[in-house]
C-alpha cells in the first residue's frame, strides 16, 4: 500500500470512528430510543438538532468521500479490515470522554484487533 493510500484508509477510518462517537454523544443527550413509542419519536426528532448529530453526519459524508478515494488505490481485502481500528479509537474515546468502563477482557480483544491489523498491514 502506498503512503497516500494508507493515509486515505486511516483518514477514512478516523472520520468514520469520529462519526460513530458523535452519534453516541447525540444519543446520550436524548436518552434511550425505543421502537414505536411516542417518546422515542420525539427523541428521534430532537436528536437531529443536536450538534454532535449534525457534525457526526457531516463526518460520515466526508469519510465516504475519503473512503472512495482509498478504495480506488488499494484492494478492498486490505482496506476493509482496517475499519476495525475504529473499535480501538472509539474504545479509547469512550473511556476518556464519556467515562465508559473498558474491562480487561475488552482491552485484550482490542489488542487482538491491533495484532490482526498489524499482520494485515504487513501483507
PDB file of N, CA and C in Angstrom:
ATOM      1  N   UNK A   1       0.858  -1.177   0.000  1.00  0.00           N
ATOM      2  CA  UNK A   1       0.000   0.000   0.000  1.00  0.00           C
ATOM      3  C   UNK A   1       0.899   1.233   0.000  1.00  0.00           C
ATOM      4  N   UNK A   2       0.578   2.160  -0.856  1.00  0.00           N
ATOM      5  CA  UNK A   2       1.373   3.389  -0.934  1.00  0.00           C
ATOM      6  C   UNK A   2       1.096   4.259   0.290  1.00  0.00           C
ATOM      7  N   UNK A   3       2.000   5.176   0.598  1.00  0.00           N
ATOM      8  CA  UNK A   3       1.743   6.076   1.728  1.00  0.00           C
ATOM      9  C   UNK A   3       0.448   6.884   1.564  1.00  0.00           C
ATOM     10  N   UNK A   4       0.146   7.312   0.339  1.00  0.00           N
ATOM     11  CA  UNK A   4      -1.099   8.050   0.109  1.00  0.00           C
ATOM     12  C   UNK A   4      -2.311   7.171   0.381  1.00  0.00           C
ATOM     13  N   UNK A   5      -2.286   5.951  -0.122  1.00  0.00           N
ATOM     14  CA  UNK A   5      -3.407   5.030   0.106  1.00  0.00           C
ATOM     15  C   UNK A   5      -3.571   4.748   1.597  1.00  0.00           C
ATOM     16  N   UNK A   6      -2.465   4.519   2.286  1.00  0.00           N
ATOM     17  CA  UNK A   6      -2.528   4.274   3.730  1.00  0.00           C
ATOM     18  C   UNK A   6      -3.110   5.486   4.454  1.00  0.00           C
ATOM     19  N   UNK A   7      -2.672   6.679   4.072  1.00  0.00           N
ATOM     20  CA  UNK A   7      -3.209   7.892   4.689  1.00  0.00           C
ATOM     21  C   UNK A   7      -4.707   8.033   4.455  1.00  0.00           C
ATOM     22  N   UNK A   8      -5.151   7.710   3.246  1.00  0.00           N
ATOM     23  CA  UNK A   8      -6.582   7.786   2.951  1.00  0.00           C
ATOM     24  C   UNK A   8      -7.369   6.744   3.732  1.00  0.00           C
ATOM     25  N   UNK A   9      -6.836   5.530   3.827  1.00  0.00           N
ATOM     26  CA  UNK A   9      -7.511   4.487   4.605  1.00  0.00           C
ATOM     27  C   UNK A   9      -7.623   4.913   6.062  1.00  0.00           C
ATOM     28  N   UNK A  10      -6.515   5.348   6.642  1.00  0.00           N
ATOM     29  CA  UNK A  10      -6.535   5.751   8.053  1.00  0.00           C
ATOM     30  C   UNK A  10      -7.396   6.991   8.268  1.00  0.00           C
ATOM     31  N   UNK A  11      -7.365   7.914   7.308  1.00  0.00           N
ATOM     32  CA  UNK A  11      -8.231   9.093   7.410  1.00  0.00           C
ATOM     33  C   UNK A  11      -9.702   8.712   7.348  1.00  0.00           C
ATOM     34  N   UNK A  12     -10.049   7.791   6.443  1.00  0.00           N
ATOM     35  CA  UNK A  12     -11.429   7.315   6.355  1.00  0.00           C
ATOM     36  C   UNK A  12     -11.863   6.605   7.625  1.00  0.00           C
ATOM     37  N   UNK A  13     -10.970   5.789   8.168  1.00  0.00           N
ATOM     38  CA  UNK A  13     -11.271   5.080   9.422  1.00  0.00           C
ATOM     39  C   UNK A  13     -11.478   6.080  10.556  1.00  0.00           C
ATOM     40  N   UNK A  14     -10.594   7.064  10.658  1.00  0.00           N
ATOM     41  CA  UNK A  14     -10.696   8.054  11.741  1.00  0.00           C
ATOM     42  C   UNK A  14     -11.985   8.867  11.622  1.00  0.00           C
ATOM     43  N   UNK A  15     -12.329   9.272  10.413  1.00  0.00           N
ATOM     44  CA  UNK A  15     -13.571  10.039  10.229  1.00  0.00           C
ATOM     45  C   UNK A  15     -14.800   9.195  10.537  1.00  0.00           C
ATOM     46  N   UNK A  16     -14.774   7.921  10.137  1.00  0.00           N
ATOM     47  CA  UNK A  16     -15.885   7.034  10.432  1.00  0.00           C
ATOM     48  C   UNK A  16     -16.023   6.827  11.940  1.00  0.00           C
ATOM     49  N   UNK A  17     -14.897   6.627  12.614  1.00  0.00           N
ATOM     50  CA  UNK A  17     -14.926   6.451  14.068  1.00  0.00           C
ATOM     51  C   UNK A  17     -15.420   7.722  14.755  1.00  0.00           C
ATOM     52  N   UNK A  18     -14.978   8.870  14.270  1.00  0.00           N
ATOM     53  CA  UNK A  18     -15.448  10.146  14.826  1.00  0.00           C
ATOM     54  C   UNK A  18     -16.956  10.269  14.652  1.00  0.00           C
ATOM     55  N   UNK A  19     -17.455   9.904  13.482  1.00  0.00           N
ATOM     56  CA  UNK A  19     -18.897   9.970  13.234  1.00  0.00           C
ATOM     57  C   UNK A  19     -19.652   9.088  14.230  1.00  0.00           C
ATOM     58  N   UNK A  20     -19.190   7.863  14.430  1.00  0.00           N
ATOM     59  CA  UNK A  20     -19.849   6.956  15.372  1.00  0.00           C
ATOM     60  C   UNK A  20     -19.830   7.525  16.793  1.00  0.00           C
ATOM     61  N   UNK A  21     -18.695   8.075  17.188  1.00  0.00           N
ATOM     62  CA  UNK A  21     -18.570   8.645  18.527  1.00  0.00           C
ATOM     63  C   UNK A  21     -19.535   9.816  18.713  1.00  0.00           C
ATOM     64  N   UNK A  22     -19.630  10.670  17.713  1.00  0.00           N
ATOM     65  CA  UNK A  22     -20.535  11.816  17.804  1.00  0.00           C
ATOM     66  C   UNK A  22     -21.998  11.374  17.839  1.00  0.00           C
ATOM     67  N   UNK A  23     -22.341  10.323  17.100  1.00  0.00           N
ATOM     68  CA  UNK A  23     -23.714   9.802  17.170  1.00  0.00           C
ATOM     69  C   UNK A  23     -24.010   9.289  18.582  1.00  0.00           C
ATOM     70  N   UNK A  24     -23.047   8.649  19.200  1.00  0.00           N
ATOM     71  CA  UNK A  24     -23.228   8.196  20.585  1.00  0.00           C
ATOM     72  C   UNK A  24     -23.423   9.384  21.516  1.00  0.00           C
ATOM     73  N   UNK A  25     -22.649  10.426  21.314  1.00  0.00           N
ATOM     74  CA  UNK A  25     -22.823  11.632  22.133  1.00  0.00           C
ATOM     75  C   UNK A  25     -24.241  12.189  21.972  1.00  0.00           C
ATOM     76  N   UNK A  26     -24.741  12.196  20.743  1.00  0.00           N
ATOM     77  CA  UNK A  26     -26.089  12.714  20.489  1.00  0.00           C
ATOM     78  C   UNK A  26     -27.138  11.848  21.170  1.00  0.00           C
ATOM     79  N   UNK A  27     -26.980  10.528  21.122  1.00  0.00           N
ATOM     80  CA  UNK A  27     -27.964   9.663  21.783  1.00  0.00           C
ATOM     81  C   UNK A  27     -27.909   9.829  23.292  1.00  0.00           C
ATOM     82  N   UNK A  28     -26.723  10.078  23.838  1.00  0.00           N
ATOM     83  CA  UNK A  28     -26.620  10.316  25.279  1.00  0.00           C
ATOM     84  C   UNK A  28     -27.424  11.540  25.694  1.00  0.00           C
ATOM     85  N   UNK A  29     -27.527  12.512  24.805  1.00  0.00           N
ATOM     86  CA  UNK A  29     -28.242  13.744  25.121  1.00  0.00           C
ATOM     87  C   UNK A  29     -29.760  13.566  25.115  1.00  0.00           C
ATOM     88  N   UNK A  30     -30.276  12.625  24.315  1.00  0.00           N
ATOM     89  CA  UNK A  30     -31.735  12.461  24.236  1.00  0.00           C
ATOM     90  C   UNK A  30     -32.240  11.260  25.017  1.00  0.00           C
ATOM     91  N   UNK A  31     -31.376  10.360  25.412  1.00  0.00           N
ATOM     92  CA  UNK A  31     -31.788   9.205  26.190  1.00  0.00           C
ATOM     93  C   UNK A  31     -32.071   7.990  25.329  1.00  0.00           C
ATOM     94  N   UNK A  32     -32.660   6.995  25.960  1.00  0.00           N
ATOM     95  CA  UNK A  32     -32.922   5.718  25.303  1.00  0.00           C
ATOM     96  C   UNK A  32     -34.003   5.898  24.235  1.00  0.00           C
ATOM     97  N   UNK A  33     -33.754   5.306  23.082  1.00  0.00           N
ATOM     98  CA  UNK A  33     -34.701   5.362  21.971  1.00  0.00           C
ATOM     99  C   UNK A  33     -35.282   3.966  21.794  1.00  0.00           C
ATOM    100  N   UNK A  34     -36.592   3.859  21.900  1.00  0.00           N
ATOM    101  CA  UNK A  34     -37.288   2.575  21.749  1.00  0.00           C
ATOM    102  C   UNK A  34     -38.121   2.617  20.479  1.00  0.00           C
ATOM    103  N   UNK A  35     -38.217   1.506  19.808  1.00  0.00           N
ATOM    104  CA  UNK A  35     -39.007   1.442  18.575  1.00  0.00           C
ATOM    105  C   UNK A  35     -40.490   1.577  18.892  1.00  0.00           C
ATOM    106  N   UNK A  36     -41.152   2.462  18.151  1.00  0.00           N
ATOM    107  CA  UNK A  36     -42.605   2.544  18.207  1.00  0.00           C
ATOM    108  C   UNK A  36     -43.222   3.395  19.297  1.00  0.00           C
ATOM    109  N   UNK A  37     -42.452   3.965  20.196  1.00  0.00           N
ATOM    110  CA  UNK A  37     -43.068   4.760  21.250  1.00  0.00           C
ATOM    111  C   UNK A  37     -43.104   6.236  20.857  1.00  0.00           C
ATOM    112  N   UNK A  38     -44.087   6.950  21.384  1.00  0.00           N
ATOM    113  CA  UNK A  38     -44.216   8.377  21.091  1.00  0.00           C
ATOM    114  C   UNK A  38     -43.018   9.146  21.638  1.00  0.00           C
ATOM    115  N   UNK A  39     -42.529   8.741  22.805  1.00  0.00           N
ATOM    116  CA  UNK A  39     -41.363   9.407  23.395  1.00  0.00           C
ATOM    117  C   UNK A  39     -40.140   9.226  22.501  1.00  0.00           C
ATOM    118  N   UNK A  40     -40.012   8.057  21.905  1.00  0.00           N
ATOM    119  CA  UNK A  40     -38.878   7.811  21.022  1.00  0.00           C
ATOM    120  C   UNK A  40     -38.994   8.598  19.731  1.00  0.00           C
ATOM    121  N   UNK A  41     -40.205   8.774  19.248  1.00  0.00           N
ATOM    122  CA  UNK A  41     -40.399   9.604  18.059  1.00  0.00           C
ATOM    123  C   UNK A  41     -39.958  11.030  18.356  1.00  0.00           C
ATOM    124  N   UNK A  42     -40.288  11.516  19.527  1.00  0.00           N
ATOM    125  CA  UNK A  42     -39.863  12.849  19.942  1.00  0.00           C
ATOM    126  C   UNK A  42     -38.341  12.898  20.083  1.00  0.00           C
ATOM    127  N   UNK A  43     -37.763  11.839  20.661  1.00  0.00           N
ATOM    128  CA  UNK A  43     -36.308  11.779  20.826  1.00  0.00           C
ATOM    129  C   UNK A  43     -35.622  11.753  19.462  1.00  0.00           C
ATOM    130  N   UNK A  44     -36.169  10.981  18.530  1.00  0.00           N
ATOM    131  CA  UNK A  44     -35.577  10.918  17.198  1.00  0.00           C
ATOM    132  C   UNK A  44     -35.648  12.263  16.493  1.00  0.00           C
ATOM    133  N   UNK A  45     -36.746  12.956  16.681  1.00  0.00           N
ATOM    134  CA  UNK A  45     -36.879  14.282  16.088  1.00  0.00           C
ATOM    135  C   UNK A  45     -35.871  15.238  16.718  1.00  0.00           C
ATOM    136  N   UNK A  46     -35.762  15.183  18.026  1.00  0.00           N
ATOM    137  CA  UNK A  46     -34.853  16.080  18.733  1.00  0.00           C
ATOM    138  C   UNK A  46     -33.389  15.775  18.502  1.00  0.00           C
ATOM    139  N   UNK A  47     -33.078  14.513  18.230  1.00  0.00           N
ATOM    140  CA  UNK A  47     -31.668  14.132  18.093  1.00  0.00           C
ATOM    141  C   UNK A  47     -31.021  14.808  16.888  1.00  0.00           C
ATOM    142  N   UNK A  48     -31.793  15.080  15.861  1.00  0.00           N
ATOM    143  CA  UNK A  48     -31.223  15.659  14.650  1.00  0.00           C
ATOM    144  C   UNK A  48     -30.872  17.137  14.802  1.00  0.00           C
ATOM    145  N   UNK A  49     -31.280  17.735  15.908  1.00  0.00           N
ATOM    146  CA  UNK A  49     -30.919  19.136  16.159  1.00  0.00           C
ATOM    147  C   UNK A  49     -29.758  19.253  17.134  1.00  0.00           C
ATOM    148  N   UNK A  50     -29.208  18.123  17.574  1.00  0.00           N
ATOM    149  CA  UNK A  50     -28.051  18.121  18.467  1.00  0.00           C
ATOM    150  C   UNK A  50     -26.789  18.347  17.631  1.00  0.00           C
ATOM    151  N   UNK A  51     -25.887  19.211  18.110  1.00  0.00           N
ATOM    152  CA  UNK A  51     -24.673  19.463  17.337  1.00  0.00           C
ATOM    153  C   UNK A  51     -23.855  18.201  17.089  1.00  0.00           C
ATOM    154  N   UNK A  52     -23.781  17.239  18.041  1.00  0.00           N
ATOM    155  CA  UNK A  52     -22.995  16.044  17.726  1.00  0.00           C
ATOM    156  C   UNK A  52     -23.586  15.249  16.550  1.00  0.00           C
ATOM    157  N   UNK A  53     -24.905  15.254  16.426  1.00  0.00           N
ATOM    158  CA  UNK A  53     -25.528  14.542  15.309  1.00  0.00           C
ATOM    159  C   UNK A  53     -25.204  15.237  13.992  1.00  0.00           C
ATOM    160  N   UNK A  54     -25.301  16.546  13.961  1.00  0.00           N
ATOM    161  CA  UNK A  54     -25.037  17.305  12.737  1.00  0.00           C
ATOM    162  C   UNK A  54     -23.585  17.116  12.294  1.00  0.00           C
ATOM    163  N   UNK A  55     -22.666  17.265  13.229  1.00  0.00           N
ATOM    164  CA  UNK A  55     -21.244  17.107  12.901  1.00  0.00           C
ATOM    165  C   UNK A  55     -20.939  15.643  12.565  1.00  0.00           C
ATOM    166  N   UNK A  56     -21.574  14.716  13.286  1.00  0.00           N
ATOM    167  CA  UNK A  56     -21.369  13.293  13.006  1.00  0.00           C
ATOM    168  C   UNK A  56     -21.823  12.909  11.609  1.00  0.00           C
ATOM    169  N   UNK A  57     -22.969  13.412  11.184  1.00  0.00           N
ATOM    170  CA  UNK A  57     -23.438  13.130   9.827  1.00  0.00           C
ATOM    171  C   UNK A  57     -22.513  13.745   8.783  1.00  0.00           C
ATOM    172  N   UNK A  58     -21.999  14.932   9.061  1.00  0.00           N
ATOM    173  CA  UNK A  58     -21.036  15.554   8.148  1.00  0.00           C
ATOM    174  C   UNK A  58     -19.754  14.718   8.072  1.00  0.00           C
ATOM    175  N   UNK A  59     -19.312  14.223   9.222  1.00  0.00           N
ATOM    176  CA  UNK A  59     -18.114  13.375   9.248  1.00  0.00           C
ATOM    177  C   UNK A  59     -18.337  12.100   8.445  1.00  0.00           C
ATOM    178  N   UNK A  60     -19.546  11.538   8.524  1.00  0.00           N
ATOM    179  CA  UNK A  60     -19.870  10.372   7.702  1.00  0.00           C
ATOM    180  C   UNK A  60     -19.753  10.699   6.223  1.00  0.00           C
ATOM    181  N   UNK A  61     -20.291  11.842   5.826  1.00  0.00           N
ATOM    182  CA  UNK A  61     -20.223  12.227   4.424  1.00  0.00           C
ATOM    183  C   UNK A  61     -18.794  12.372   3.931  1.00  0.00           C
ATOM    184  N   UNK A  62     -17.971  13.054   4.708  1.00  0.00           N
ATOM    185  CA  UNK A  62     -16.574  13.240   4.325  1.00  0.00           C
ATOM    186  C   UNK A  62     -15.846  11.898   4.350  1.00  0.00           C
ATOM    187  N   UNK A  63     -16.158  11.056   5.343  1.00  0.00           N
ATOM    188  CA  UNK A  63     -15.490   9.752   5.418  1.00  0.00           C
ATOM    189  C   UNK A  63     -15.817   8.903   4.200  1.00  0.00           C
ATOM    190  N   UNK A  64     -17.025   9.019   3.682  1.00  0.00           N
ATOM    191  CA  UNK A  64     -17.398   8.270   2.481  1.00  0.00           C
ATOM    192  C   UNK A  64     -16.540   8.710   1.295  1.00  0.00           C
ATOM    193  N   UNK A  65     -16.366  10.015   1.133  1.00  0.00           N
ATOM    194  CA  UNK A  65     -15.541  10.508   0.029  1.00  0.00           C
ATOM    195  C   UNK A  65     -14.085  10.054   0.168  1.00  0.00           C
ATOM    196  N   UNK A  66     -13.555  10.151   1.373  1.00  0.00           N
ATOM    197  CA  UNK A  66     -12.175   9.725   1.618  1.00  0.00           C
ATOM    198  C   UNK A  66     -12.049   8.226   1.394  1.00  0.00           C
ATOM    199  N   UNK A  67     -13.048   7.466   1.838  1.00  0.00           N
ATOM    200  CA  UNK A  67     -13.019   6.016   1.689  1.00  0.00           C
ATOM    201  C   UNK A  67     -13.047   5.616   0.210  1.00  0.00           C
ATOM    202  N   UNK A  68     -13.839   6.311  -0.592  1.00  0.00           N
ATOM    203  CA  UNK A  68     -13.871   6.026  -2.031  1.00  0.00           C
ATOM    204  C   UNK A  68     -12.508   6.282  -2.671  1.00  0.00           C
ATOM    205  N   UNK A  69     -11.851   7.355  -2.251  1.00  0.00           N
ATOM    206  CA  UNK A  69     -10.503   7.632  -2.771  1.00  0.00           C
ATOM    207  C   UNK A  69      -9.535   6.525  -2.347  1.00  0.00           C
ATOM    208  N   UNK A  70      -9.688   6.037  -1.110  1.00  0.00           N
ATOM    209  CA  UNK A  70      -8.820   4.955  -0.622  1.00  0.00           C
ATOM    210  C   UNK A  70      -9.064   3.672  -1.399  1.00  0.00           C
ATOM    211  N   UNK A  71     -10.330   3.329  -1.596  1.00  0.00           N
ATOM    212  CA  UNK A  71     -10.647   2.087  -2.303  1.00  0.00           C
ATOM    213  C   UNK A  71     -10.176   2.112  -3.753  1.00  0.00           C
ATOM    214  N   UNK A  72     -10.098   3.294  -4.342  1.00  0.00           N
ATOM    215  CA  UNK A  72      -9.629   3.380  -5.723  1.00  0.00           C
ATOM    216  C   UNK A  72      -8.126   3.121  -5.819  1.00  0.00           C
ATOM    217  N   UNK A  73      -7.440   3.082  -4.656  1.00  0.00           N
ATOM    218  CA  UNK A  73      -5.990   2.924  -4.651  1.00  0.00           C
ATOM    219  C   UNK A  73      -5.500   1.629  -4.027  1.00  0.00           C
ATOM    220  N   UNK A  74      -6.388   0.846  -3.435  1.00  0.00           N
ATOM    221  CA  UNK A  74      -5.940  -0.371  -2.750  1.00  0.00           C
ATOM    222  C   UNK A  74      -7.015  -1.449  -2.829  1.00  0.00           C
ATOM    223  N   UNK A  75      -6.639  -2.659  -2.527  1.00  0.00           N
ATOM    224  CA  UNK A  75      -7.573  -3.783  -2.532  1.00  0.00           C
ATOM    225  C   UNK A  75      -8.530  -3.676  -1.354  1.00  0.00           C
ATOM    226  N   UNK A  76      -9.771  -4.021  -1.595  1.00  0.00           N
ATOM    227  CA  UNK A  76     -10.764  -3.982  -0.520  1.00  0.00           C
ATOM    228  C   UNK A  76     -10.429  -5.019   0.555  1.00  0.00           C
ATOM    229  N   UNK A  77      -9.785  -6.118   0.164  1.00  0.00           N
ATOM    230  CA  UNK A  77      -9.410  -7.147   1.147  1.00  0.00           C
ATOM    231  C   UNK A  77      -8.347  -6.651   2.115  1.00  0.00           C
ATOM    232  N   UNK A  78      -7.659  -5.588   1.752  1.00  0.00           N
ATOM    233  CA  UNK A  78      -6.690  -4.966   2.652  1.00  0.00           C
ATOM    234  C   UNK A  78      -7.303  -3.774   3.378  1.00  0.00           C
ATOM    235  N   UNK A  79      -8.058  -2.967   2.656  1.00  0.00           N
ATOM    236  CA  UNK A  79      -8.612  -1.741   3.239  1.00  0.00           C
ATOM    237  C   UNK A  79      -9.728  -2.016   4.236  1.00  0.00           C
ATOM    238  N   UNK A  80     -10.666  -2.884   3.882  1.00  0.00           N
ATOM    239  CA  UNK A  80     -11.853  -3.064   4.715  1.00  0.00           C
ATOM    240  C   UNK A  80     -11.536  -3.530   6.136  1.00  0.00           C
ATOM    241  N   UNK A  81     -10.656  -4.500   6.329  1.00  0.00           N
ATOM    242  CA  UNK A  81     -10.341  -4.894   7.713  1.00  0.00           C
ATOM    243  C   UNK A  81      -9.727  -3.770   8.552  1.00  0.00           C
ATOM    244  N   UNK A  82      -9.145  -2.774   7.892  1.00  0.00           N
ATOM    245  CA  UNK A  82      -8.580  -1.639   8.630  1.00  0.00           C
ATOM    246  C   UNK A  82      -9.667  -0.854   9.371  1.00  0.00           C
ATOM    247  N   UNK A  83     -10.920  -0.995   8.919  1.00  0.00           N
ATOM    248  CA  UNK A  83     -12.014  -0.321   9.621  1.00  0.00           C
ATOM    249  C   UNK A  83     -12.114  -0.757  11.079  1.00  0.00           C
ATOM    250  N   UNK A  84     -11.575  -1.938  11.389  1.00  0.00           N
ATOM    251  CA  UNK A  84     -11.623  -2.411  12.774  1.00  0.00           C
ATOM    252  C   UNK A  84     -10.825  -1.503  13.712  1.00  0.00           C
ATOM    253  N   UNK A  85      -9.946  -0.679  13.166  1.00  0.00           N
ATOM    254  CA  UNK A  85      -9.244   0.297  14.011  1.00  0.00           C
ATOM    255  C   UNK A  85     -10.218   1.284  14.639  1.00  0.00           C
ATOM    256  N   UNK A  86     -11.372   1.448  14.024  1.00  0.00           N
ATOM    257  CA  UNK A  86     -12.408   2.303  14.601  1.00  0.00           C
ATOM    258  C   UNK A  86     -12.835   1.822  15.980  1.00  0.00           C
ATOM    259  N   UNK A  87     -12.837   0.501  16.191  1.00  0.00           N
ATOM    260  CA  UNK A  87     -13.169  -0.039  17.511  1.00  0.00           C
ATOM    261  C   UNK A  87     -12.171   0.453  18.552  1.00  0.00           C
ATOM    262  N   UNK A  88     -10.906   0.464  18.161  1.00  0.00           N
ATOM    263  CA  UNK A  88      -9.851   0.893  19.078  1.00  0.00           C
ATOM    264  C   UNK A  88     -10.009   2.380  19.392  1.00  0.00           C
ATOM    265  N   UNK A  89     -10.163   3.186  18.351  1.00  0.00           N
ATOM    266  CA  UNK A  89     -10.321   4.634  18.541  1.00  0.00           C
ATOM    267  C   UNK A  89     -11.510   4.938  19.446  1.00  0.00           C
ATOM    268  N   UNK A  90     -12.633   4.265  19.191  1.00  0.00           N
ATOM    269  CA  UNK A  90     -13.838   4.586  19.951  1.00  0.00           C
ATOM    270  C   UNK A  90     -13.804   4.046  21.371  1.00  0.00           C
ATOM    271  N   UNK A  91     -13.129   2.947  21.595  1.00  0.00           N
ATOM    272  CA  UNK A  91     -12.985   2.463  22.972  1.00  0.00           C
ATOM    273  C   UNK A  91     -12.178   3.469  23.797  1.00  0.00           C
ATOM    274  N   UNK A  92     -11.100   3.974  23.206  1.00  0.00           N
ATOM    275  CA  UNK A  92     -10.289   4.976  23.901  1.00  0.00           C
ATOM    276  C   UNK A  92     -11.084   6.263  24.130  1.00  0.00           C
ATOM    277  N   UNK A  93     -11.807   6.712  23.106  1.00  0.00           N
ATOM    278  CA  UNK A  93     -12.594   7.946  23.230  1.00  0.00           C
ATOM    279  C   UNK A  93     -13.727   7.782  24.242  1.00  0.00           C
ATOM    280  N   UNK A  94     -14.394   6.627  24.222  1.00  0.00           N
ATOM    281  CA  UNK A  94     -15.500   6.401  25.151  1.00  0.00           C
ATOM    282  C   UNK A  94     -15.009   6.377  26.589  1.00  0.00           C
ATOM    283  N   UNK A  95     -13.854   5.771  26.809  1.00  0.00           N
ATOM    284  CA  UNK A  95     -13.306   5.734  28.162  1.00  0.00           C
ATOM    285  C   UNK A  95     -12.893   7.137  28.611  1.00  0.00           C
ATOM    286  N   UNK A  96     -12.239   7.850  27.730  1.00  0.00           N
ATOM    287  CA  UNK A  96     -11.695   9.162  28.102  1.00  0.00           C
ATOM    288  C   UNK A  96     -12.777  10.249  28.187  1.00  0.00           C
ATOM    289  N   UNK A  97     -13.649  10.326  27.186  1.00  0.00           N
ATOM    290  CA  UNK A  97     -14.592  11.438  27.101  1.00  0.00           C
ATOM    291  C   UNK A  97     -15.977  11.136  27.677  1.00  0.00           C
ATOM    292  N   UNK A  98     -16.381   9.862  27.650  1.00  0.00           N
ATOM    293  CA  UNK A  98     -17.715   9.517  28.138  1.00  0.00           C
ATOM    294  C   UNK A  98     -17.688   8.804  29.490  1.00  0.00           C
ATOM    295  N   UNK A  99     -16.498   8.507  29.965  1.00  0.00           N
ATOM    296  CA  UNK A  99     -16.381   7.848  31.259  1.00  0.00           C
ATOM    297  C   UNK A  99     -16.823   6.390  31.255  1.00  0.00           C
ATOM    298  N   UNK A 100     -16.856   5.770  30.060  1.00  0.00           N
ATOM    299  CA  UNK A 100     -17.249   4.362  29.991  1.00  0.00           C
ATOM    300  C   UNK A 100     -16.131   3.486  30.543  1.00  0.00           C
ATOM    301  N   UNK A 101     -16.522   2.432  31.241  1.00  0.00           N
ATOM    302  CA  UNK A 101     -15.547   1.466  31.749  1.00  0.00           C
ATOM    303  C   UNK A 101     -15.205   0.483  30.641  1.00  0.00           C
ATOM    304  N   UNK A 102     -13.922   0.286  30.417  1.00  0.00           N
ATOM    305  CA  UNK A 102     -13.465  -0.695  29.440  1.00  0.00           C
ATOM    306  C   UNK A 102     -12.752  -1.790  30.223  1.00  0.00           C
ATOM    307  N   UNK A 103     -13.344  -2.972  30.232  1.00  0.00           N
ATOM    308  CA  UNK A 103     -12.829  -4.075  31.049  1.00  0.00           C
ATOM    309  C   UNK A 103     -11.524  -4.629  30.480  1.00  0.00           C
ATOM    310  N   UNK A 104     -10.854  -5.413  31.287  1.00  0.00           N
ATOM    311  CA  UNK A 104      -9.616  -6.063  30.860  1.00  0.00           C
ATOM    312  C   UNK A 104      -9.891  -6.956  29.653  1.00  0.00           C
ATOM    313  N   UNK A 105     -11.000  -7.666  29.684  1.00  0.00           N
ATOM    314  CA  UNK A 105     -11.351  -8.545  28.564  1.00  0.00           C
ATOM    315  C   UNK A 105     -11.504  -7.734  27.270  1.00  0.00           C
ATOM    316  N   UNK A 106     -12.097  -6.562  27.353  1.00  0.00           N
ATOM    317  CA  UNK A 106     -12.230  -5.711  26.162  1.00  0.00           C
ATOM    318  C   UNK A 106     -10.863  -5.222  25.679  1.00  0.00           C
ATOM    319  N   UNK A 107      -9.978  -4.862  26.630  1.00  0.00           N
ATOM    320  CA  UNK A 107      -8.643  -4.423  26.224  1.00  0.00           C
ATOM    321  C   UNK A 107      -7.882  -5.554  25.548  1.00  0.00           C
ATOM    322  N   UNK A 108      -8.058  -6.766  26.030  1.00  0.00           N
ATOM    323  CA  UNK A 108      -7.412  -7.922  25.383  1.00  0.00           C
ATOM    324  C   UNK A 108      -7.945  -8.085  23.967  1.00  0.00           C
ATOM    325  N   UNK A 109      -9.253  -7.976  23.812  1.00  0.00           N
ATOM    326  CA  UNK A 109      -9.853  -8.078  22.480  1.00  0.00           C
ATOM    327  C   UNK A 109      -9.346  -6.974  21.563  1.00  0.00           C
ATOM    328  N   UNK A 110      -9.205  -5.782  22.093  1.00  0.00           N
ATOM    329  CA  UNK A 110      -8.679  -4.660  21.310  1.00  0.00           C
ATOM    330  C   UNK A 110      -7.228  -4.943  20.909  1.00  0.00           C
ATOM    331  N   UNK A 111      -6.466  -5.555  21.804  1.00  0.00           N
ATOM    332  CA  UNK A 111      -5.094  -5.947  21.472  1.00  0.00           C
ATOM    333  C   UNK A 111      -5.064  -6.960  20.333  1.00  0.00           C
ATOM    334  N   UNK A 112      -5.999  -7.888  20.336  1.00  0.00           N
ATOM    335  CA  UNK A 112      -6.094  -8.867  19.247  1.00  0.00           C
ATOM    336  C   UNK A 112      -6.417  -8.157  17.924  1.00  0.00           C
ATOM    337  N   UNK A 113      -7.311  -7.193  17.988  1.00  0.00           N
ATOM    338  CA  UNK A 113      -7.634  -6.416  16.785  1.00  0.00           C
ATOM    339  C   UNK A 113      -6.375  -5.717  16.262  1.00  0.00           C
ATOM    340  N   UNK A 114      -5.638  -5.065  17.150  1.00  0.00           N
ATOM    341  CA  UNK A 114      -4.419  -4.376  16.744  1.00  0.00           C
ATOM    342  C   UNK A 114      -3.388  -5.352  16.151  1.00  0.00           C
ATOM    343  N   UNK A 115      -3.280  -6.523  16.731  1.00  0.00           N
ATOM    344  CA  UNK A 115      -2.365  -7.538  16.189  1.00  0.00           C
ATOM    345  C   UNK A 115      -2.811  -7.936  14.782  1.00  0.00           C
ATOM    346  N   UNK A 116      -4.097  -8.144  14.615  1.00  0.00           N
ATOM    347  CA  UNK A 116      -4.620  -8.502  13.293  1.00  0.00           C
ATOM    348  C   UNK A 116      -4.373  -7.418  12.256  1.00  0.00           C
ATOM    349  N   UNK A 117      -4.573  -6.164  12.639  1.00  0.00           N
ATOM    350  CA  UNK A 117      -4.328  -5.055  11.715  1.00  0.00           C
ATOM    351  C   UNK A 117      -2.832  -4.968  11.380  1.00  0.00           C
ATOM    352  N   UNK A 118      -1.981  -5.176  12.369  1.00  0.00           N
ATOM    353  CA  UNK A 118      -0.536  -5.125  12.114  1.00  0.00           C
ATOM    354  C   UNK A 118      -0.138  -6.238  11.146  1.00  0.00           C
ATOM    355  N   UNK A 119      -0.669  -7.439  11.325  1.00  0.00           N
ATOM    356  CA  UNK A 119      -0.368  -8.543  10.403  1.00  0.00           C
ATOM    357  C   UNK A 119      -0.892  -8.234   9.000  1.00  0.00           C
ATOM    358  N   UNK A 120      -2.062  -7.677   8.943  1.00  0.00           N
ATOM    359  CA  UNK A 120      -2.673  -7.325   7.667  1.00  0.00           C
ATOM    360  C   UNK A 120      -1.848  -6.264   6.947  1.00  0.00           C
ATOM    361  N   UNK A 121      -1.401  -5.274   7.670  1.00  0.00           N
ATOM    362  CA  UNK A 121      -0.637  -4.177   7.070  1.00  0.00           C
ATOM    363  C   UNK A 121       0.695  -4.660   6.498  1.00  0.00           C
ATOM    364  N   UNK A 122       1.225  -5.731   7.046  1.00  0.00           N
ATOM    365  CA  UNK A 122       2.499  -6.272   6.567  1.00  0.00           C
ATOM    366  C   UNK A 122       2.328  -7.120   5.322  1.00  0.00           C
ATOM    367  N   UNK A 123       1.080  -7.435   4.960  1.00  0.00           N
ATOM    368  CA  UNK A 123       0.868  -8.338   3.806  1.00  0.00           C
ATOM    369  C   UNK A 123       1.005  -7.603   2.485  1.00  0.00           C
TER     370      UNK A 123
END
